[in-house]
């Protein structure tokens, strides 16, 4: 039982986002929310909203059962590069410096632990 949430075209470089995503991958949902709440990076604000969205998606998918009793965890979390906005900035002696404004796509999957029924 899993639910997916995606964040598309987030205006931040993928490298900066991956630093925070690596902190929450494989953690329980409540623990991941606490980590994101107290991380002092801009990426943590985006990921906190995305994790709450994934939890809400799981609740919508599974009806009346609450996510707090389901023991959800972050099954998969990865960051892909998005489109790059290319700009030019004036430089000395009539030159131009290229500025690359990077974006990223984040995919987050929350799931319930698999119960082993082979007894």
C-alpha atoms as a PDB file:
ATOM      1  CA  UNK A   1       0.000   0.000   0.000  1.00  0.00           C
ATOM      2  CA  UNK A   2       1.711   3.155  -1.162  1.00  0.00           C
ATOM      3  CA  UNK A   3       0.974   6.689  -2.320  1.00  0.00           C
ATOM      4  CA  UNK A   4       2.995   9.044  -4.500  1.00  0.00           C
ATOM      5  CA  UNK A   5       3.481  12.822  -4.484  1.00  0.00           C
ATOM      6  CA  UNK A   6       5.500  14.732  -7.071  1.00  0.00           C
ATOM      7  CA  UNK A   7       6.930  18.226  -7.046  1.00  0.00           C
ATOM      8  CA  UNK A   8       7.666  19.536 -10.525  1.00  0.00           C
ATOM      9  CA  UNK A   9       9.842  22.493 -11.549  1.00  0.00           C
ATOM     10  CA  UNK A  10      10.997  23.502  -8.088  1.00  0.00           C
ATOM     11  CA  UNK A  11      13.262  26.575  -8.503  1.00  0.00           C
ATOM     12  CA  UNK A  12      16.304  25.125  -6.739  1.00  0.00           C
ATOM     13  CA  UNK A  13      19.288  23.168  -7.941  1.00  0.00           C
ATOM     14  CA  UNK A  14      18.929  19.388  -7.686  1.00  0.00           C
ATOM     15  CA  UNK A  15      22.190  19.139  -5.767  1.00  0.00           C
ATOM     16  CA  UNK A  16      20.871  21.305  -2.914  1.00  0.00           C
ATOM     17  CA  UNK A  17      17.582  19.399  -2.826  1.00  0.00           C
ATOM     18  CA  UNK A  18      19.319  15.998  -2.700  1.00  0.00           C
ATOM     19  CA  UNK A  19      21.141  16.994   0.498  1.00  0.00           C
ATOM     20  CA  UNK A  20      17.821  17.193   2.343  1.00  0.00           C
ATOM     21  CA  UNK A  21      16.125  14.280   0.540  1.00  0.00           C
ATOM     22  CA  UNK A  22      18.942  11.998   1.700  1.00  0.00           C
ATOM     23  CA  UNK A  23      18.082  12.869   5.319  1.00  0.00           C
ATOM     24  CA  UNK A  24      14.518  11.511   5.130  1.00  0.00           C
ATOM     25  CA  UNK A  25      14.796   8.531   2.769  1.00  0.00           C
ATOM     26  CA  UNK A  26      13.776   5.324   4.586  1.00  0.00           C
ATOM     27  CA  UNK A  27      12.564   7.095   7.745  1.00  0.00           C
ATOM     28  CA  UNK A  28       9.101   6.862   9.279  1.00  0.00           C
ATOM     29  CA  UNK A  29       6.758   9.623   8.157  1.00  0.00           C
ATOM     30  CA  UNK A  30       6.469  11.293  11.584  1.00  0.00           C
ATOM     31  CA  UNK A  31      10.225  11.188  12.098  1.00  0.00           C
ATOM     32  CA  UNK A  32      10.800  12.614   8.598  1.00  0.00           C
ATOM     33  CA  UNK A  33       8.396  15.495   9.337  1.00  0.00           C
ATOM     34  CA  UNK A  34      10.338  16.325  12.515  1.00  0.00           C
ATOM     35  CA  UNK A  35      13.646  16.226  10.628  1.00  0.00           C
ATOM     36  CA  UNK A  36      12.303  18.549   7.941  1.00  0.00           C
ATOM     37  CA  UNK A  37      10.802  20.937  10.480  1.00  0.00           C
ATOM     38  CA  UNK A  38      14.170  21.513  12.177  1.00  0.00           C
ATOM     39  CA  UNK A  39      16.435  21.515   9.103  1.00  0.00           C
ATOM     40  CA  UNK A  40      17.648  25.016   8.233  1.00  0.00           C
ATOM     41  CA  UNK A  41      17.602  24.682   4.452  1.00  0.00           C
ATOM     42  CA  UNK A  42      15.105  26.064   1.965  1.00  0.00           C
ATOM     43  CA  UNK A  43      14.619  22.583   0.520  1.00  0.00           C
ATOM     44  CA  UNK A  44      13.147  21.375   3.805  1.00  0.00           C
ATOM     45  CA  UNK A  45      10.163  23.733   3.413  1.00  0.00           C
ATOM     46  CA  UNK A  46       9.367  22.324  -0.047  1.00  0.00           C
ATOM     47  CA  UNK A  47       9.850  18.724   1.090  1.00  0.00           C
ATOM     48  CA  UNK A  48       7.712  19.149   4.199  1.00  0.00           C
ATOM     49  CA  UNK A  49       4.774  20.235   2.039  1.00  0.00           C
ATOM     50  CA  UNK A  50       5.442  17.380  -0.375  1.00  0.00           C
ATOM     51  CA  UNK A  51       5.564  14.787   2.418  1.00  0.00           C
ATOM     52  CA  UNK A  52       2.300  16.086   3.874  1.00  0.00           C
ATOM     53  CA  UNK A  53       0.788  15.826   0.402  1.00  0.00           C
ATOM     54  CA  UNK A  54       1.975  12.228   0.041  1.00  0.00           C
ATOM     55  CA  UNK A  55       0.493  11.337   3.441  1.00  0.00           C
ATOM     56  CA  UNK A  56      -2.786  12.990   2.471  1.00  0.00           C
ATOM     57  CA  UNK A  57      -2.763  11.090  -0.846  1.00  0.00           C
ATOM     58  CA  UNK A  58      -2.354   7.855   1.104  1.00  0.00           C
ATOM     59  CA  UNK A  59      -5.319   8.769   3.338  1.00  0.00           C
ATOM     60  CA  UNK A  60      -7.488   9.604   0.308  1.00  0.00           C
ATOM     61  CA  UNK A  61      -6.562   6.322  -1.339  1.00  0.00           C
ATOM     62  CA  UNK A  62      -7.301   4.182   1.714  1.00  0.00           C
ATOM     63  CA  UNK A  63     -10.491   5.779   2.959  1.00  0.00           C
ATOM     64  CA  UNK A  64     -11.316   5.764   6.647  1.00  0.00           C
ATOM     65  CA  UNK A  65      -8.049   4.388   8.069  1.00  0.00           C
ATOM     66  CA  UNK A  66      -5.829   7.133   9.493  1.00  0.00           C
ATOM     67  CA  UNK A  67      -2.224   7.626   8.459  1.00  0.00           C
ATOM     68  CA  UNK A  68      -1.059   8.013  12.063  1.00  0.00           C
ATOM     69  CA  UNK A  69      -2.132   4.450  12.890  1.00  0.00           C
ATOM     70  CA  UNK A  70      -0.799   2.999   9.616  1.00  0.00           C
ATOM     71  CA  UNK A  71       2.893   3.455  10.503  1.00  0.00           C
ATOM     72  CA  UNK A  72       3.846   5.062   7.182  1.00  0.00           C
ATOM     73  CA  UNK A  73       7.457   5.427   6.058  1.00  0.00           C
ATOM     74  CA  UNK A  74       9.240   7.139   3.167  1.00  0.00           C
ATOM     75  CA  UNK A  75       9.769   4.237   0.792  1.00  0.00           C
ATOM     76  CA  UNK A  76      11.321   6.112  -2.130  1.00  0.00           C
ATOM     77  CA  UNK A  77      12.536   9.670  -2.526  1.00  0.00           C
ATOM     78  CA  UNK A  78      14.589  10.926  -5.433  1.00  0.00           C
ATOM     79  CA  UNK A  79      15.424  14.168  -7.220  1.00  0.00           C
ATOM     80  CA  UNK A  80      15.750  14.546 -10.986  1.00  0.00           C
ATOM     81  CA  UNK A  81      17.035  17.614 -12.821  1.00  0.00           C
ATOM     82  CA  UNK A  82      14.410  19.768 -14.470  1.00  0.00           C
ATOM     83  CA  UNK A  83      14.616  22.417 -17.147  1.00  0.00           C
ATOM     84  CA  UNK A  84      17.415  24.967 -16.953  1.00  0.00           C
ATOM     85  CA  UNK A  85      16.628  28.636 -17.523  1.00  0.00           C
ATOM     86  CA  UNK A  86      19.569  30.176 -19.352  1.00  0.00           C
ATOM     87  CA  UNK A  87      20.278  33.858 -18.828  1.00  0.00           C
ATOM     88  CA  UNK A  88      23.150  36.228 -19.568  1.00  0.00           C
ATOM     89  CA  UNK A  89      24.689  38.756 -17.226  1.00  0.00           C
ATOM     90  CA  UNK A  90      26.898  41.636 -18.382  1.00  0.00           C
ATOM     91  CA  UNK A  91      30.603  41.160 -17.661  1.00  0.00           C
ATOM     92  CA  UNK A  92      33.593  43.493 -17.995  1.00  0.00           C
ATOM     93  CA  UNK A  93      35.036  44.473 -21.395  1.00  0.00           C
ATOM     94  CA  UNK A  94      31.815  43.832 -23.306  1.00  0.00           C
ATOM     95  CA  UNK A  95      31.580  40.166 -22.435  1.00  0.00           C
ATOM     96  CA  UNK A  96      28.598  38.191 -21.161  1.00  0.00           C
ATOM     97  CA  UNK A  97      28.547  35.547 -18.445  1.00  0.00           C
ATOM     98  CA  UNK A  98      26.093  32.684 -18.727  1.00  0.00           C
ATOM     99  CA  UNK A  99      23.792  32.085 -15.751  1.00  0.00           C
ATOM    100  CA  UNK A 100      22.064  28.715 -15.461  1.00  0.00           C
ATOM    101  CA  UNK A 101      19.027  28.771 -13.179  1.00  0.00           C
ATOM    102  CA  UNK A 102      18.474  25.123 -12.386  1.00  0.00           C
ATOM    103  CA  UNK A 103      15.198  23.450 -11.459  1.00  0.00           C
ATOM    104  CA  UNK A 104      14.352  19.999 -10.199  1.00  0.00           C
ATOM    105  CA  UNK A 105      11.611  17.388  -9.969  1.00  0.00           C
ATOM    106  CA  UNK A 106      11.111  15.497  -6.697  1.00  0.00           C
ATOM    107  CA  UNK A 107       9.220  12.205  -6.369  1.00  0.00           C
ATOM    108  CA  UNK A 108       8.228  10.951  -2.928  1.00  0.00           C
ATOM    109  CA  UNK A 109       6.574   7.595  -2.196  1.00  0.00           C
ATOM    110  CA  UNK A 110       5.156   6.710   1.219  1.00  0.00           C
ATOM    111  CA  UNK A 111       4.102   3.182   2.071  1.00  0.00           C
ATOM    112  CA  UNK A 112       3.057   0.940   4.914  1.00  0.00           C
ATOM    113  CA  UNK A 113       5.451  -1.757   6.100  1.00  0.00           C
ATOM    114  CA  UNK A 114       4.822  -5.171   4.570  1.00  0.00           C
ATOM    115  CA  UNK A 115       3.461  -7.663   7.056  1.00  0.00           C
ATOM    116  CA  UNK A 116       4.959 -11.127   6.747  1.00  0.00           C
ATOM    117  CA  UNK A 117       2.088 -13.676   6.808  1.00  0.00           C
ATOM    118  CA  UNK A 118       4.201 -16.826   6.370  1.00  0.00           C
ATOM    119  CA  UNK A 119       3.960 -18.501   9.767  1.00  0.00           C
END
